């Protein structure tokens, strides 16, 4: 683990609200996002050819963690086409969830319970649309596990904008941004935490980003898995 310089020397508030990403952080990704996108693209945009297909898949990999509709608007500037791709992606993701492809990161549920038992609020956030987020939560039996689940439609903008984290602050009535920890597996997660002024930004290595990339994006600490978060908070006295 390696702590960054952001906010060094400042008073360290107790973490009251922990904002956690879903896919790759608390929920196993296992390539399911890319597979759902590929299914959707092949159903709607196959006429664009293999080169454009590979470029589109590469863009989805590069922007992992961001609002999916924003990602699709970049690929397809015409709004109706972007919305159609988003709907096809949601349908494909739901198919994969129904096939049993959704699973929790080992220890994630126990961590959420432990954080809440310690008097902290836990908010799960995602770049997925609300129906997809709810399908994932239902498949895991997590309906009553976190305090809140937030999607870009709840906040205005998805990551890397700070909106999801700031809505989490407001909805959980945290005392200030320095009392929020933002936890995620992508650069977008880290950047959104920094943009929100979060008191602690934590990267996890259960996605496909490495330690150096997460630190470069602004993470204060990088841990192997969200399962190590309670120990990290204890070590930092947060």
Protein backbone atom coordinates (compact mmCIF):
# COMPACT_ATOMS: atom_id res chain seq x y z
CA UNK A 1 0.00 0.00 0.00
CA UNK A 2 1.18 3.48 -0.70
CA UNK A 3 -0.29 6.74 0.54
CA UNK A 4 -0.24 9.72 -1.77
CA UNK A 5 0.46 13.36 -0.97
CA UNK A 6 -3.11 14.62 -1.52
CA UNK A 7 -4.33 16.21 1.65
CA UNK A 8 -1.19 15.37 3.65
CA UNK A 9 -0.95 17.49 6.76
CA UNK A 10 -4.71 18.07 6.92
CA UNK A 11 -6.81 16.94 9.86
CA UNK A 12 -7.96 13.37 9.35
CA UNK A 13 -11.69 13.07 10.01
CA UNK A 14 -13.33 9.77 10.86
CA UNK A 15 -14.79 8.18 7.73
CA UNK A 16 -18.56 8.31 8.08
CA UNK A 17 -19.61 7.32 4.55
CA UNK A 18 -17.89 4.77 2.33
CA UNK A 19 -18.74 5.07 -1.36
CA UNK A 20 -17.94 1.84 -3.22
CA UNK A 21 -18.03 1.08 -6.91
CA UNK A 22 -19.84 -2.07 -8.00
CA UNK A 23 -18.33 -3.92 -11.01
CA UNK A 24 -14.70 -4.74 -10.32
CA UNK A 25 -14.78 -3.48 -6.72
CA UNK A 26 -17.61 -5.19 -4.83
CA UNK A 27 -18.95 -7.29 -7.72
CA UNK A 28 -16.77 -9.56 -9.86
CA UNK A 29 -16.31 -8.14 -13.36
CA UNK A 30 -14.73 -11.16 -15.04
CA UNK A 31 -15.07 -9.48 -18.43
CA UNK A 32 -18.87 -9.32 -18.19
CA UNK A 33 -19.05 -5.59 -19.02
CA UNK A 34 -17.00 -6.05 -22.17
CA UNK A 35 -18.93 -9.16 -23.14
CA UNK A 36 -22.28 -7.40 -22.71
CA UNK A 37 -21.04 -4.48 -24.79
CA UNK A 38 -19.75 -6.80 -27.51
CA UNK A 39 -23.12 -8.56 -27.70
CA UNK A 40 -24.91 -5.21 -27.95
CA UNK A 41 -22.54 -3.83 -30.59
CA UNK A 42 -22.81 -6.97 -32.72
CA UNK A 43 -26.60 -6.80 -32.59
CA UNK A 44 -26.85 -3.15 -33.62
CA UNK A 45 -23.60 -2.00 -35.24
CA UNK A 46 -22.14 -5.04 -37.02
CA UNK A 47 -22.33 -3.22 -40.37
CA UNK A 48 -19.52 -0.92 -39.21
CA UNK A 49 -17.02 -3.75 -39.66
CA UNK A 50 -14.35 -5.45 -37.55
CA UNK A 51 -11.94 -2.51 -37.27
CA UNK A 52 -14.59 -0.19 -35.89
CA UNK A 53 -15.75 -2.98 -33.58
CA UNK A 54 -12.28 -3.35 -32.08
CA UNK A 55 -11.96 0.43 -31.68
CA UNK A 56 -15.29 0.50 -29.85
CA UNK A 57 -14.30 -2.35 -27.52
CA UNK A 58 -10.98 -0.62 -26.81
CA UNK A 59 -12.84 2.57 -25.88
CA UNK A 60 -15.08 0.66 -23.47
CA UNK A 61 -11.99 -0.84 -21.82
CA UNK A 62 -10.34 2.58 -21.58
CA UNK A 63 -13.40 4.23 -20.01
CA UNK A 64 -14.28 1.46 -17.58
CA UNK A 65 -16.05 2.88 -14.55
CA UNK A 66 -17.65 5.79 -16.38
CA UNK A 67 -21.34 6.30 -17.09
CA UNK A 68 -22.22 3.86 -19.85
CA UNK A 69 -24.51 6.24 -21.74
CA UNK A 70 -21.70 8.84 -21.79
CA UNK A 71 -19.33 6.20 -23.18
CA UNK A 72 -21.85 5.25 -25.87
CA UNK A 73 -22.48 8.89 -26.81
CA UNK A 74 -18.79 9.21 -27.58
CA UNK A 75 -18.96 6.19 -29.86
CA UNK A 76 -22.27 7.16 -31.48
CA UNK A 77 -22.85 10.93 -31.38
CA UNK A 78 -26.43 10.62 -32.63
CA UNK A 79 -28.49 10.46 -29.43
CA UNK A 80 -31.00 7.92 -30.69
CA UNK A 81 -28.19 5.54 -31.70
CA UNK A 82 -26.42 5.96 -28.34
CA UNK A 83 -29.65 5.30 -26.46
CA UNK A 84 -30.37 2.22 -28.56
CA UNK A 85 -26.87 0.87 -27.85
CA UNK A 86 -27.34 1.59 -24.15
CA UNK A 87 -30.64 -0.33 -24.12
CA UNK A 88 -29.03 -3.24 -25.97
CA UNK A 89 -26.12 -3.23 -23.51
CA UNK A 90 -28.50 -3.34 -20.55
CA UNK A 91 -30.41 -6.22 -22.12
CA UNK A 92 -27.18 -8.14 -22.79
CA UNK A 93 -25.91 -7.52 -19.26
CA UNK A 94 -29.22 -8.72 -17.83
CA UNK A 95 -28.86 -11.89 -19.92
CA UNK A 96 -25.43 -12.53 -18.45
CA UNK A 97 -26.70 -11.93 -14.93
CA UNK A 98 -29.54 -14.38 -15.59
CA UNK A 99 -26.94 -16.89 -16.78
CA UNK A 100 -25.35 -16.73 -13.34
CA UNK A 101 -22.39 -14.55 -14.32
CA UNK A 102 -22.87 -12.08 -11.46
CA UNK A 103 -20.92 -12.80 -8.28
CA UNK A 104 -19.66 -10.86 -5.27
CA UNK A 105 -16.00 -10.07 -4.70
CA UNK A 106 -14.95 -12.45 -1.91
CA UNK A 107 -15.49 -10.77 1.43
CA UNK A 108 -17.35 -7.75 0.03
CA UNK A 109 -20.67 -8.45 1.74
CA UNK A 110 -18.94 -9.05 5.08
CA UNK A 111 -17.04 -5.77 4.72
CA UNK A 112 -20.24 -3.83 4.04
CA UNK A 113 -21.90 -5.38 7.08
CA UNK A 114 -18.84 -4.65 9.24
CA UNK A 115 -18.66 -1.02 8.12
CA UNK A 116 -22.33 -0.47 8.89
CA UNK A 117 -22.01 -2.23 12.25
CA UNK A 118 -19.21 0.24 13.00
CA UNK A 119 -21.64 3.13 12.49
CA UNK A 120 -20.62 4.02 8.95
CA UNK A 121 -22.90 4.43 5.93
CA UNK A 122 -22.16 2.42 2.78
CA UNK A 123 -23.22 3.60 -0.68
CA UNK A 124 -22.74 1.48 -3.78
CA UNK A 125 -22.30 3.43 -7.02
CA UNK A 126 -22.16 2.39 -10.66
CA UNK A 127 -22.03 3.67 -14.21
CA UNK A 128 -24.87 1.30 -15.12
CA UNK A 129 -28.46 2.43 -15.55
CA UNK A 130 -30.82 1.86 -12.61
CA UNK A 131 -32.50 -1.31 -14.02
CA UNK A 132 -29.14 -3.02 -14.53
CA UNK A 133 -27.89 -2.00 -11.11
CA UNK A 134 -31.06 -3.37 -9.52
CA UNK A 135 -30.75 -6.64 -11.44
CA UNK A 136 -27.21 -7.11 -10.13
CA UNK A 137 -28.22 -6.29 -6.55
CA UNK A 138 -31.16 -8.71 -6.77
CA UNK A 139 -29.01 -11.50 -8.22
CA UNK A 140 -26.68 -11.21 -5.21
CA UNK A 141 -29.46 -10.90 -2.64
CA UNK A 142 -28.05 -7.53 -1.58
CA UNK A 143 -31.31 -5.55 -1.51
CA UNK A 144 -30.89 -4.70 2.19
CA UNK A 145 -27.09 -4.75 2.35
CA UNK A 146 -25.96 -1.15 1.56
CA UNK A 147 -27.59 2.05 2.76
CA UNK A 148 -27.98 3.28 -0.82
CA UNK A 149 -27.32 2.35 -4.44
CA UNK A 150 -26.71 5.31 -6.75
CA UNK A 151 -26.54 5.47 -10.55
CA UNK A 152 -25.77 8.41 -12.86
CA UNK A 153 -29.51 9.10 -13.18
CA UNK A 154 -29.57 9.84 -9.44
CA UNK A 155 -26.68 12.27 -9.59
CA UNK A 156 -26.69 14.09 -12.94
CA UNK A 157 -23.29 12.91 -14.16
CA UNK A 158 -21.39 9.68 -13.80
CA UNK A 159 -17.71 9.26 -13.04
CA UNK A 160 -15.15 10.79 -13.29
CA UNK A 161 -17.35 13.74 -12.28
CA UNK A 162 -17.78 14.09 -8.49
CA UNK A 163 -21.59 13.99 -8.57
CA UNK A 164 -22.18 10.41 -7.33
CA UNK A 165 -19.92 10.99 -4.33
CA UNK A 166 -21.49 14.34 -3.49
CA UNK A 167 -25.01 12.91 -3.70
CA UNK A 168 -23.85 10.11 -1.40
CA UNK A 169 -22.61 12.77 1.06
CA UNK A 170 -25.94 14.59 0.98
CA UNK A 171 -28.13 11.50 1.15
CA UNK A 172 -26.19 9.98 4.08
CA UNK A 173 -25.83 13.35 5.84
CA UNK A 174 -22.07 13.03 6.25
CA UNK A 175 -20.49 15.94 8.09
CA UNK A 176 -18.25 16.93 5.17
CA UNK A 177 -16.31 15.69 2.17
CA UNK A 178 -13.35 14.84 4.38
CA UNK A 179 -15.58 12.25 6.10
CA UNK A 180 -16.10 10.32 2.85
CA UNK A 181 -14.00 7.47 1.49
CA UNK A 182 -14.30 6.60 -2.20
CA UNK A 183 -13.29 3.06 -3.18
CA UNK A 184 -12.95 1.73 -6.73
CA UNK A 185 -10.95 -0.28 -9.23
CA UNK A 186 -10.55 2.25 -12.07
CA UNK A 187 -8.92 5.60 -12.74
CA UNK A 188 -12.40 7.09 -13.11
CA UNK A 189 -13.27 6.01 -9.57
CA UNK A 190 -10.12 7.63 -8.19
CA UNK A 191 -10.58 10.82 -10.19
CA UNK A 192 -14.18 11.16 -9.07
CA UNK A 193 -13.09 10.86 -5.46
CA UNK A 194 -10.40 13.50 -5.89
CA UNK A 195 -12.84 15.80 -7.70
CA UNK A 196 -15.30 15.49 -4.82
CA UNK A 197 -12.60 16.33 -2.28
CA UNK A 198 -13.06 12.98 -0.53
CA UNK A 199 -11.06 12.54 2.65
CA UNK A 200 -9.75 9.18 1.45
CA UNK A 201 -9.55 7.70 -2.05
CA UNK A 202 -8.77 3.99 -2.21
CA UNK A 203 -7.94 1.92 -5.28
CA UNK A 204 -8.48 -1.84 -5.37
CA UNK A 205 -6.72 -4.37 -7.58
CA UNK A 206 -9.70 -6.63 -8.30
CA UNK A 207 -10.36 -4.93 -11.64
CA UNK A 208 -7.92 -4.77 -14.53
CA UNK A 209 -5.96 -1.66 -13.49
CA UNK A 210 -2.60 -1.85 -11.75
CA UNK A 211 -1.35 -0.06 -8.65
CA UNK A 212 0.61 2.56 -10.57
CA UNK A 213 -2.37 3.57 -12.71
CA UNK A 214 -4.61 3.99 -9.66
CA UNK A 215 -2.02 6.02 -7.77
CA UNK A 216 -1.44 8.21 -10.82
CA UNK A 217 -5.19 8.87 -10.98
CA UNK A 218 -5.16 10.17 -7.41
CA UNK A 219 -5.70 7.20 -5.11
CA UNK A 220 -4.25 7.79 -1.65
CA UNK A 221 -4.00 4.07 -0.98
CA UNK A 222 -4.18 0.90 -3.09
CA UNK A 223 -5.24 -2.42 -1.55
CA UNK A 224 -5.53 -5.87 -3.02
CA UNK A 225 -9.27 -6.13 -2.42
CA UNK A 226 -12.13 -4.35 -0.68
CA UNK A 227 -11.82 -7.10 1.93
CA UNK A 228 -8.77 -5.23 3.24
CA UNK A 229 -10.65 -1.95 3.72
CA UNK A 230 -11.57 -2.26 7.42
CA UNK A 231 -7.94 -2.98 8.31
CA UNK A 232 -6.83 0.01 6.23
CA UNK A 233 -9.25 2.34 8.01
CA UNK A 234 -8.04 1.03 11.36
CA UNK A 235 -4.40 1.50 10.40
CA UNK A 236 -5.06 5.08 9.29
CA UNK A 237 -7.13 5.85 12.38
CA UNK A 238 -10.03 6.83 10.18
